[in-house]
N, C-alpha and C. Protein backbone atom coordinates (compact mmCIF):
# COMPACT_ATOMS: atom_id res chain seq x y z
N MET A 1 -14.60 1.14 -2.67
CA MET A 1 -13.94 2.44 -2.67
C MET A 1 -13.53 2.76 -4.10
N LYS A 2 -14.04 3.83 -4.60
CA LYS A 2 -13.69 4.29 -5.94
C LYS A 2 -12.57 5.31 -5.80
N ALA A 3 -11.44 5.02 -6.41
CA ALA A 3 -10.30 5.92 -6.32
C ALA A 3 -9.93 6.41 -7.71
N PRO A 4 -9.66 7.71 -7.85
CA PRO A 4 -9.20 8.20 -9.15
C PRO A 4 -7.82 7.60 -9.47
N ILE A 5 -7.66 7.16 -10.71
CA ILE A 5 -6.41 6.55 -11.16
C ILE A 5 -5.68 7.54 -12.06
N LEU A 6 -4.42 7.79 -11.74
CA LEU A 6 -3.58 8.66 -12.56
C LEU A 6 -2.42 7.84 -13.12
N ILE A 7 -2.06 8.10 -14.37
CA ILE A 7 -0.91 7.44 -14.99
C ILE A 7 0.30 8.37 -14.85
N VAL A 8 1.35 7.82 -14.24
CA VAL A 8 2.59 8.58 -14.02
C VAL A 8 3.73 7.73 -14.59
N LYS A 9 4.14 8.03 -15.80
CA LYS A 9 5.11 7.20 -16.51
C LYS A 9 6.45 7.04 -15.80
N ASN A 10 6.87 8.02 -15.03
CA ASN A 10 8.16 7.96 -14.34
C ASN A 10 8.06 7.40 -12.92
N LEU A 11 6.94 6.80 -12.59
CA LEU A 11 6.74 6.24 -11.26
C LEU A 11 7.79 5.16 -10.99
N PRO A 12 8.40 5.15 -9.81
CA PRO A 12 9.46 4.17 -9.53
C PRO A 12 8.94 2.76 -9.26
N ALA A 13 7.63 2.59 -9.20
CA ALA A 13 7.02 1.28 -8.97
C ALA A 13 5.85 1.12 -9.93
N ALA A 14 5.30 -0.08 -10.03
CA ALA A 14 4.14 -0.31 -10.90
C ALA A 14 2.94 0.49 -10.43
N GLY A 15 2.79 0.60 -9.11
CA GLY A 15 1.67 1.34 -8.55
C GLY A 15 2.04 1.98 -7.24
N MET A 16 1.25 2.98 -6.87
CA MET A 16 1.49 3.69 -5.62
C MET A 16 0.17 4.36 -5.21
N ALA A 17 -0.06 4.43 -3.92
CA ALA A 17 -1.25 5.10 -3.42
C ALA A 17 -0.85 6.37 -2.68
N ILE A 18 -1.34 7.49 -3.16
CA ILE A 18 -1.15 8.77 -2.49
C ILE A 18 -2.53 9.39 -2.38
N PHE A 19 -3.06 9.32 -1.18
CA PHE A 19 -4.45 9.68 -0.95
C PHE A 19 -4.82 11.00 -1.63
N PRO A 20 -5.90 11.00 -2.40
CA PRO A 20 -6.90 9.96 -2.63
C PRO A 20 -6.71 9.21 -3.96
N PHE A 21 -5.50 9.26 -4.51
CA PHE A 21 -5.24 8.73 -5.84
C PHE A 21 -4.51 7.39 -5.83
N VAL A 22 -4.77 6.60 -6.85
CA VAL A 22 -3.94 5.44 -7.17
C VAL A 22 -3.12 5.85 -8.39
N LEU A 23 -1.81 5.80 -8.25
CA LEU A 23 -0.90 6.14 -9.35
C LEU A 23 -0.41 4.85 -9.99
N LEU A 24 -0.42 4.80 -11.31
CA LEU A 24 0.06 3.63 -12.04
C LEU A 24 1.12 4.06 -13.05
N LYS A 25 2.08 3.17 -13.28
CA LYS A 25 3.17 3.46 -14.21
C LYS A 25 2.70 3.47 -15.67
N SER A 26 1.69 2.66 -15.98
CA SER A 26 1.19 2.63 -17.37
C SER A 26 -0.31 2.37 -17.39
N ALA A 27 -0.95 2.78 -18.46
CA ALA A 27 -2.40 2.63 -18.60
C ALA A 27 -2.80 1.16 -18.61
N GLY A 28 -1.94 0.28 -19.11
CA GLY A 28 -2.24 -1.14 -19.16
C GLY A 28 -2.45 -1.75 -17.77
N LEU A 29 -1.91 -1.13 -16.76
CA LEU A 29 -2.04 -1.64 -15.39
C LEU A 29 -3.42 -1.39 -14.80
N LYS A 30 -4.24 -0.59 -15.49
CA LYS A 30 -5.61 -0.34 -15.01
C LYS A 30 -6.41 -1.64 -14.93
N ASN A 31 -6.00 -2.64 -15.70
CA ASN A 31 -6.70 -3.93 -15.72
C ASN A 31 -6.16 -4.92 -14.69
N ASP A 32 -5.11 -4.55 -13.98
CA ASP A 32 -4.51 -5.43 -12.98
C ASP A 32 -5.28 -5.26 -11.67
N GLN A 33 -6.29 -6.09 -11.48
CA GLN A 33 -7.18 -5.95 -10.33
C GLN A 33 -6.46 -6.16 -9.00
N GLU A 34 -5.48 -7.05 -8.97
CA GLU A 34 -4.75 -7.29 -7.72
C GLU A 34 -3.89 -6.08 -7.35
N LEU A 35 -3.26 -5.47 -8.34
CA LEU A 35 -2.46 -4.27 -8.08
C LEU A 35 -3.36 -3.13 -7.58
N ILE A 36 -4.48 -2.94 -8.23
CA ILE A 36 -5.42 -1.89 -7.83
C ILE A 36 -5.92 -2.17 -6.41
N ASN A 37 -6.24 -3.42 -6.11
CA ASN A 37 -6.70 -3.79 -4.78
C ASN A 37 -5.62 -3.52 -3.73
N HIS A 38 -4.38 -3.87 -4.06
CA HIS A 38 -3.24 -3.61 -3.18
C HIS A 38 -3.16 -2.12 -2.84
N GLU A 39 -3.26 -1.29 -3.85
CA GLU A 39 -3.17 0.16 -3.64
C GLU A 39 -4.39 0.70 -2.89
N LYS A 40 -5.56 0.12 -3.11
CA LYS A 40 -6.75 0.56 -2.38
C LYS A 40 -6.66 0.18 -0.91
N ILE A 41 -5.99 -0.93 -0.61
CA ILE A 41 -5.75 -1.28 0.80
C ILE A 41 -4.91 -0.18 1.44
N HIS A 42 -3.89 0.30 0.72
CA HIS A 42 -3.08 1.40 1.24
C HIS A 42 -3.92 2.68 1.42
N LEU A 43 -4.83 2.94 0.52
CA LEU A 43 -5.69 4.12 0.67
C LEU A 43 -6.52 4.02 1.94
N ARG A 44 -7.03 2.82 2.23
CA ARG A 44 -7.81 2.63 3.45
C ARG A 44 -6.93 2.84 4.69
N GLN A 45 -5.71 2.32 4.64
CA GLN A 45 -4.77 2.51 5.74
C GLN A 45 -4.50 4.00 5.95
N GLN A 46 -4.30 4.71 4.85
CA GLN A 46 -4.03 6.15 4.92
C GLN A 46 -5.22 6.89 5.52
N LEU A 47 -6.40 6.50 5.11
CA LEU A 47 -7.61 7.15 5.59
C LEU A 47 -7.79 6.95 7.10
N GLU A 48 -7.60 5.73 7.57
CA GLU A 48 -7.83 5.48 8.99
C GLU A 48 -6.76 6.13 9.87
N LEU A 49 -5.60 6.44 9.30
CA LEU A 49 -4.55 7.13 10.07
C LEU A 49 -4.50 8.63 9.76
N LEU A 50 -5.50 9.11 9.05
CA LEU A 50 -5.61 10.53 8.70
C LEU A 50 -4.43 11.01 7.84
N VAL A 51 -4.00 10.17 6.94
CA VAL A 51 -3.04 10.40 5.87
C VAL A 51 -1.61 10.68 6.34
N VAL A 52 -1.33 11.84 6.89
CA VAL A 52 0.06 12.20 7.22
C VAL A 52 0.70 11.22 8.21
N PRO A 53 0.01 10.84 9.30
CA PRO A 53 0.63 9.85 10.20
C PRO A 53 0.94 8.52 9.50
N PHE A 54 0.14 8.15 8.51
CA PHE A 54 0.44 6.93 7.74
C PHE A 54 1.82 7.03 7.12
N TYR A 55 2.10 8.14 6.46
CA TYR A 55 3.39 8.29 5.78
C TYR A 55 4.54 8.30 6.78
N LEU A 56 4.34 8.94 7.93
CA LEU A 56 5.38 8.97 8.96
C LEU A 56 5.65 7.57 9.49
N LEU A 57 4.59 6.82 9.80
CA LEU A 57 4.76 5.45 10.29
C LEU A 57 5.35 4.54 9.22
N TYR A 58 4.95 4.75 7.98
CA TYR A 58 5.46 3.95 6.86
C TYR A 58 6.98 4.11 6.75
N VAL A 59 7.43 5.35 6.72
CA VAL A 59 8.86 5.63 6.58
C VAL A 59 9.63 5.14 7.82
N LEU A 60 9.09 5.39 9.00
CA LEU A 60 9.74 4.93 10.23
C LEU A 60 9.87 3.41 10.26
N ASN A 61 8.80 2.72 9.89
CA ASN A 61 8.83 1.26 9.85
C ASN A 61 9.85 0.76 8.83
N TYR A 62 9.92 1.42 7.68
CA TYR A 62 10.91 1.05 6.66
C TYR A 62 12.33 1.24 7.20
N LEU A 63 12.60 2.37 7.83
CA LEU A 63 13.95 2.65 8.34
C LEU A 63 14.36 1.66 9.43
N ILE A 64 13.44 1.33 10.30
CA ILE A 64 13.72 0.32 11.33
C ILE A 64 14.02 -1.02 10.67
N ASN A 65 13.21 -1.38 9.68
CA ASN A 65 13.43 -2.65 8.96
C ASN A 65 14.75 -2.64 8.21
N LEU A 66 15.11 -1.50 7.63
CA LEU A 66 16.36 -1.40 6.89
C LEU A 66 17.56 -1.61 7.83
N ALA A 67 17.48 -1.04 9.01
CA ALA A 67 18.55 -1.24 10.00
C ALA A 67 18.59 -2.70 10.45
N ARG A 68 17.43 -3.30 10.55
CA ARG A 68 17.33 -4.70 11.01
C ARG A 68 17.80 -5.68 9.96
N TYR A 69 17.32 -5.53 8.71
CA TYR A 69 17.59 -6.51 7.65
C TYR A 69 18.76 -6.15 6.74
N ARG A 70 19.14 -4.87 6.73
CA ARG A 70 20.24 -4.40 5.87
C ARG A 70 20.01 -4.73 4.39
N ASN A 71 18.74 -4.70 3.98
CA ASN A 71 18.38 -5.01 2.60
C ASN A 71 17.10 -4.26 2.26
N HIS A 72 17.13 -3.47 1.18
CA HIS A 72 15.97 -2.65 0.82
C HIS A 72 14.72 -3.50 0.59
N HIS A 73 14.83 -4.53 -0.23
CA HIS A 73 13.65 -5.34 -0.59
C HIS A 73 13.04 -6.00 0.65
N THR A 74 13.87 -6.57 1.49
CA THR A 74 13.37 -7.23 2.70
C THR A 74 12.75 -6.21 3.65
N ALA A 75 13.39 -5.05 3.78
CA ALA A 75 12.86 -3.99 4.64
C ALA A 75 11.49 -3.53 4.13
N TYR A 76 11.38 -3.33 2.83
CA TYR A 76 10.12 -2.89 2.21
C TYR A 76 9.01 -3.92 2.42
N ARG A 77 9.31 -5.20 2.15
CA ARG A 77 8.29 -6.25 2.25
C ARG A 77 7.84 -6.49 3.69
N ASN A 78 8.63 -6.04 4.65
CA ASN A 78 8.27 -6.22 6.06
C ASN A 78 7.66 -4.99 6.71
N ILE A 79 7.37 -3.96 5.92
CA ILE A 79 6.61 -2.82 6.44
C ILE A 79 5.22 -3.35 6.77
N LEU A 80 4.71 -3.03 7.94
CA LEU A 80 3.41 -3.55 8.38
C LEU A 80 2.32 -3.32 7.34
N PHE A 81 2.30 -2.14 6.76
CA PHE A 81 1.27 -1.79 5.78
C PHE A 81 1.40 -2.63 4.51
N GLU A 82 2.64 -2.89 4.10
CA GLU A 82 2.87 -3.72 2.91
C GLU A 82 2.50 -5.17 3.17
N LYS A 83 2.78 -5.65 4.36
CA LYS A 83 2.42 -7.03 4.70
C LYS A 83 0.92 -7.24 4.54
N GLU A 84 0.13 -6.31 5.09
CA GLU A 84 -1.32 -6.43 4.96
C GLU A 84 -1.74 -6.39 3.50
N ALA A 85 -1.19 -5.44 2.75
CA ALA A 85 -1.59 -5.28 1.35
C ALA A 85 -1.19 -6.50 0.51
N TYR A 86 0.04 -6.98 0.66
CA TYR A 86 0.46 -8.14 -0.12
C TYR A 86 -0.30 -9.40 0.28
N ASP A 87 -0.55 -9.58 1.57
CA ASP A 87 -1.26 -10.78 2.03
C ASP A 87 -2.70 -10.84 1.55
N ASN A 88 -3.28 -9.69 1.20
CA ASN A 88 -4.71 -9.64 0.86
C ASN A 88 -5.02 -9.10 -0.53
N GLU A 89 -4.01 -8.82 -1.34
CA GLU A 89 -4.27 -8.21 -2.64
C GLU A 89 -5.07 -9.11 -3.58
N GLU A 90 -4.98 -10.41 -3.42
CA GLU A 90 -5.71 -11.32 -4.29
C GLU A 90 -7.18 -11.45 -3.90
N ASP A 91 -7.52 -11.09 -2.68
CA ASP A 91 -8.90 -11.15 -2.19
C ASP A 91 -9.60 -9.84 -2.55
N LEU A 92 -10.29 -9.85 -3.67
CA LEU A 92 -10.91 -8.61 -4.16
C LEU A 92 -12.09 -8.14 -3.30
N LYS A 93 -12.51 -8.96 -2.34
CA LYS A 93 -13.58 -8.57 -1.41
C LYS A 93 -13.02 -8.21 -0.03
N TYR A 94 -11.71 -8.20 0.09
CA TYR A 94 -11.07 -7.96 1.37
C TYR A 94 -11.50 -6.64 2.01
N LEU A 95 -11.53 -5.58 1.24
CA LEU A 95 -11.85 -4.27 1.81
C LEU A 95 -13.29 -4.19 2.33
N LYS A 96 -14.17 -5.02 1.81
CA LYS A 96 -15.55 -5.02 2.29
C LYS A 96 -15.65 -5.62 3.68
N ASN A 97 -14.73 -6.53 4.01
CA ASN A 97 -14.78 -7.24 5.29
C ASN A 97 -13.67 -6.83 6.25
N ARG A 98 -12.78 -5.97 5.80
CA ARG A 98 -11.60 -5.60 6.59
C ARG A 98 -12.00 -4.83 7.84
N SER A 99 -11.38 -5.19 8.95
CA SER A 99 -11.60 -4.45 10.19
C SER A 99 -10.66 -3.25 10.23
N TRP A 100 -11.03 -2.26 11.03
CA TRP A 100 -10.19 -1.07 11.19
C TRP A 100 -8.85 -1.47 11.78
N TYR A 101 -7.80 -0.84 11.32
CA TYR A 101 -6.44 -1.04 11.81
C TYR A 101 -5.99 -2.50 11.70
N ALA A 102 -6.42 -3.17 10.62
CA ALA A 102 -6.08 -4.57 10.41
C ALA A 102 -4.57 -4.76 10.28
N TRP A 103 -3.84 -3.76 9.88
CA TRP A 103 -2.39 -3.86 9.73
C TRP A 103 -1.71 -4.10 11.06
N LEU A 104 -2.36 -3.77 12.18
CA LEU A 104 -1.77 -4.01 13.50
C LEU A 104 -1.57 -5.50 13.77
N LYS A 105 -2.35 -6.33 13.09
CA LYS A 105 -2.20 -7.78 13.25
C LYS A 105 -0.88 -8.28 12.68
N LYS A 106 -0.19 -7.45 11.91
CA LYS A 106 1.07 -7.84 11.29
C LYS A 106 2.28 -7.54 12.18
N ILE A 107 2.03 -7.01 13.37
CA ILE A 107 3.14 -6.72 14.30
C ILE A 107 3.72 -8.02 14.81
């Protein structure tokens, strides 16, 4: 999956996926293959959920986690979509073999 990369200096994170773009905080991060792979996993998740439902589920899952864990970082890391992306970001061939709705396995 070839995704256009945009540099957004004020980005609150190192990277972010907003379909169809990968946003990076600095140009130097273009060489971070694991970060790019992580964001491309999110693009695939967004695509299979037709984009808008992805964002709704993402925020809902975060809010449920925040109520459960009472900690932003823990709530964020336990979002189903983030679990899939973090667990597979080092596997640069993951997207070639990934099954549809693979994030459901993280429930």
